[in-house]
Amino acid sequence: MKRAVMLAIPAILAVIVFVPIDNRILYWSLFLVMFALVYAFHVMEDVVPMKDIVAQLGGQDFFSMKCGYVKIINSQKSELQKGVMVIYAQTVLFYVRAKASGGAKLVQSIPAETIDTYTLCKVDGFHKGVTFTLNGGDEVHFTGNRFSSVESRMREALGWPEEVKTQPEG
């Protein structure tokens, strides 16, 4: 299904560009069809159904945030997977869409006790987010613009105490 949508988008674009269409209603409706296909592809590729995550975890009592998992390949290259980060039972879980028709697949699981620290920063050359530093020195990167606004909820879900803000001396 996803492959058919992926092939239909450039085919419709080719018809719009190269085929002379005198009927304006037909011409503009092709744009609507193309935009609908682009949206359908986005849903089939990137949207993780929360109902599937709730079914896998057996409840709705968890912290979740749509974000991306950044896998650093080398200093010049990284790979981004879009999905949902969930913190459940003091474990960081990352789910992606399992298949085009739906479902959620677990691709990353990090127990909170293995996380040494975290940093809100640029996780690669392009994306802001959070970097979890694990006890062995490894780093796990998640990207999203909302991490700074949900930091206290994230700390609470991990079972960590509220961070104490110190006043500057002087």
Protein backbone atom coordinates (compact mmCIF):
# COMPACT_ATOMS: atom_id res chain seq x y z
CA MET A 1 0.00 0.00 0.00
CA LYS A 2 2.76 2.41 0.96
CA ARG A 3 4.66 1.62 -2.24
CA ALA A 4 1.54 2.32 -4.34
CA VAL A 5 1.09 5.70 -2.66
CA MET A 6 4.78 6.47 -3.13
CA LEU A 7 4.54 5.73 -6.87
CA ALA A 8 1.23 7.57 -7.33
CA ILE A 9 2.58 10.90 -6.03
CA PRO A 10 5.17 11.49 -8.80
CA ALA A 11 2.79 10.02 -11.40
CA ILE A 12 0.12 12.58 -10.53
CA LEU A 13 2.74 15.33 -10.44
CA ALA A 14 3.89 14.29 -13.93
CA VAL A 15 0.31 14.45 -15.21
CA ILE A 16 -0.12 17.92 -13.70
CA VAL A 17 3.12 19.21 -15.22
CA PHE A 18 3.27 17.50 -18.62
CA VAL A 19 -0.33 16.78 -19.69
CA PRO A 20 -2.32 19.78 -20.94
CA ILE A 21 -5.62 19.77 -19.05
CA ASP A 22 -8.21 22.34 -20.11
CA ASN A 23 -10.75 21.45 -17.42
CA ARG A 24 -9.81 23.57 -14.40
CA ILE A 25 -11.83 21.47 -11.96
CA LEU A 26 -9.98 18.31 -13.01
CA TYR A 27 -6.64 20.14 -12.96
CA TRP A 28 -7.03 21.49 -9.41
CA SER A 29 -8.57 18.26 -8.12
CA LEU A 30 -5.35 16.48 -9.13
CA PHE A 31 -3.51 18.76 -6.71
CA LEU A 32 -5.96 17.81 -3.95
CA VAL A 33 -5.46 14.12 -4.70
CA MET A 34 -1.68 14.56 -4.65
CA PHE A 35 -1.77 16.41 -1.30
CA ALA A 36 -4.07 13.72 0.14
CA LEU A 37 -1.59 11.06 -0.96
CA VAL A 38 1.32 12.95 0.60
CA TYR A 39 -0.62 13.15 3.88
CA ALA A 40 -1.52 9.44 3.67
CA PHE A 41 2.15 8.59 3.12
CA HIS A 42 3.10 10.70 6.16
CA VAL A 43 0.59 8.83 8.31
CA MET A 44 1.72 5.41 7.03
CA GLU A 45 5.39 6.27 7.59
CA ASP A 46 5.60 8.42 10.73
CA VAL A 47 2.45 8.36 12.89
CA VAL A 48 2.53 5.83 15.73
CA PRO A 49 -0.99 4.95 16.99
CA MET A 50 -1.19 5.64 20.73
CA LYS A 51 -3.89 2.96 21.10
CA ASP A 52 -1.32 0.34 20.11
CA ILE A 53 1.18 1.64 22.69
CA VAL A 54 -1.54 1.63 25.36
CA ALA A 55 -2.42 -1.96 24.39
CA GLN A 56 1.23 -3.08 24.64
CA LEU A 57 1.80 -1.37 28.01
CA GLY A 58 -1.56 -2.36 29.46
CA GLY A 59 -2.54 1.11 30.65
CA GLN A 60 -2.42 4.83 30.04
CA ASP A 61 -0.32 5.90 33.02
CA PHE A 62 2.89 6.92 31.24
CA PHE A 63 4.75 9.94 29.90
CA SER A 64 4.85 10.16 26.11
CA MET A 65 6.13 12.60 23.54
CA LYS A 66 6.35 12.52 19.76
CA CYS A 67 9.99 12.87 18.83
CA GLY A 68 12.77 11.36 16.78
CA TYR A 69 15.51 8.90 17.68
CA VAL A 70 18.86 10.03 16.27
CA LYS A 71 21.39 7.29 15.62
CA ILE A 72 24.83 8.84 15.15
CA ILE A 73 26.72 6.89 12.48
CA ASN A 74 29.84 9.09 12.36
CA SER A 75 30.73 12.75 12.82
CA GLN A 76 29.24 13.65 9.44
CA LYS A 77 26.22 11.33 9.25
CA SER A 78 23.25 10.50 11.44
CA GLU A 79 20.01 8.61 10.93
CA LEU A 80 16.61 9.85 12.18
CA GLN A 81 13.64 7.64 13.04
CA LYS A 82 10.35 9.36 13.85
CA GLY A 83 8.19 7.91 16.57
CA VAL A 84 7.06 8.25 20.18
CA MET A 85 9.25 8.26 23.29
CA VAL A 86 7.47 6.72 26.27
CA ILE A 87 8.63 6.62 29.87
CA TYR A 88 6.85 3.77 31.62
CA ALA A 89 7.85 2.06 34.88
CA GLN A 90 11.06 4.13 34.96
CA THR A 91 12.11 2.84 31.54
CA VAL A 92 12.59 4.95 28.41
CA LEU A 93 10.95 3.23 25.45
CA PHE A 94 10.95 4.39 21.82
CA TYR A 95 8.24 3.16 19.44
CA VAL A 96 7.99 3.53 15.66
CA ARG A 97 5.15 2.61 13.33
CA ALA A 98 5.24 -1.17 12.79
CA LYS A 99 3.71 -1.26 9.30
CA ALA A 100 1.71 0.93 6.93
CA SER A 101 -1.62 -0.30 8.29
CA GLY A 102 -0.71 0.55 11.89
CA GLY A 103 0.84 -0.94 14.96
CA ALA A 104 3.69 0.11 17.21
CA LYS A 105 7.11 -1.53 17.28
CA LEU A 106 9.56 -1.10 20.16
CA VAL A 107 13.03 -0.18 18.86
CA GLN A 108 14.77 1.21 21.96
CA SER A 109 14.49 0.38 25.68
CA ILE A 110 16.62 2.06 28.34
CA PRO A 111 16.11 1.41 32.08
CA ALA A 112 16.32 4.62 34.15
CA GLU A 113 18.97 3.15 36.44
CA THR A 114 21.37 2.91 33.48
CA ILE A 115 20.99 6.63 32.71
CA ASP A 116 23.74 8.65 34.37
CA THR A 117 22.72 12.14 33.20
CA TYR A 118 20.84 13.91 30.47
CA THR A 119 21.47 17.13 28.58
CA LEU A 120 19.06 19.38 26.70
CA CYS A 121 21.16 20.41 23.69
CA LYS A 122 21.70 20.02 19.97
CA VAL A 123 21.85 16.27 19.43
CA ASP A 124 23.43 16.51 15.98
CA GLY A 125 24.18 19.23 13.44
CA PHE A 126 20.50 20.02 12.83
CA HIS A 127 18.25 18.93 15.70
CA LYS A 128 17.65 20.14 19.25
CA GLY A 129 16.62 17.58 21.83
CA VAL A 130 17.85 15.51 24.74
CA THR A 131 20.94 13.34 25.07
CA PHE A 132 20.88 10.59 27.68
CA THR A 133 24.37 9.62 28.85
CA LEU A 134 24.41 6.01 30.03
CA ASN A 135 26.59 4.58 32.80
CA GLY A 136 29.06 3.06 30.32
CA GLY A 137 29.56 6.42 28.58
CA ASP A 138 27.32 5.64 25.60
CA GLU A 139 24.88 8.32 24.49
CA VAL A 140 21.30 8.04 23.25
CA HIS A 141 19.85 11.02 21.36
CA PHE A 142 16.21 12.02 20.97
CA THR A 143 15.17 15.09 19.02
CA GLY A 144 12.19 17.33 19.66
CA ASN A 145 11.52 20.99 20.32
CA ARG A 146 9.36 20.42 23.39
CA PHE A 147 11.87 18.69 25.67
CA SER A 148 12.72 21.85 27.61
CA SER A 149 9.03 22.55 28.31
CA VAL A 150 8.32 18.98 29.55
CA GLU A 151 11.59 18.47 31.44
CA SER A 152 9.97 18.37 34.90
CA ARG A 153 7.36 15.81 33.78
CA MET A 154 10.12 13.72 32.20
CA ARG A 155 12.19 13.79 35.43
CA GLU A 156 9.10 12.79 37.42
CA ALA A 157 8.37 9.88 35.06
CA LEU A 158 11.99 8.69 35.41
CA GLY A 159 11.61 8.78 39.20
CA TRP A 160 14.21 11.49 39.63
CA PRO A 161 13.81 14.29 42.17
CA GLU A 162 13.09 17.80 40.99
CA GLU A 163 16.28 19.56 39.98
CA VAL A 164 17.40 22.15 42.53
CA LYS A 165 18.07 25.57 41.03
CA THR A 166 21.02 27.30 42.66
CA GLN A 167 21.27 31.07 42.98
CA PRO A 168 24.43 32.69 41.64
CA GLU A 169 26.72 34.05 44.34
CA GLY A 170 27.25 37.74 44.62
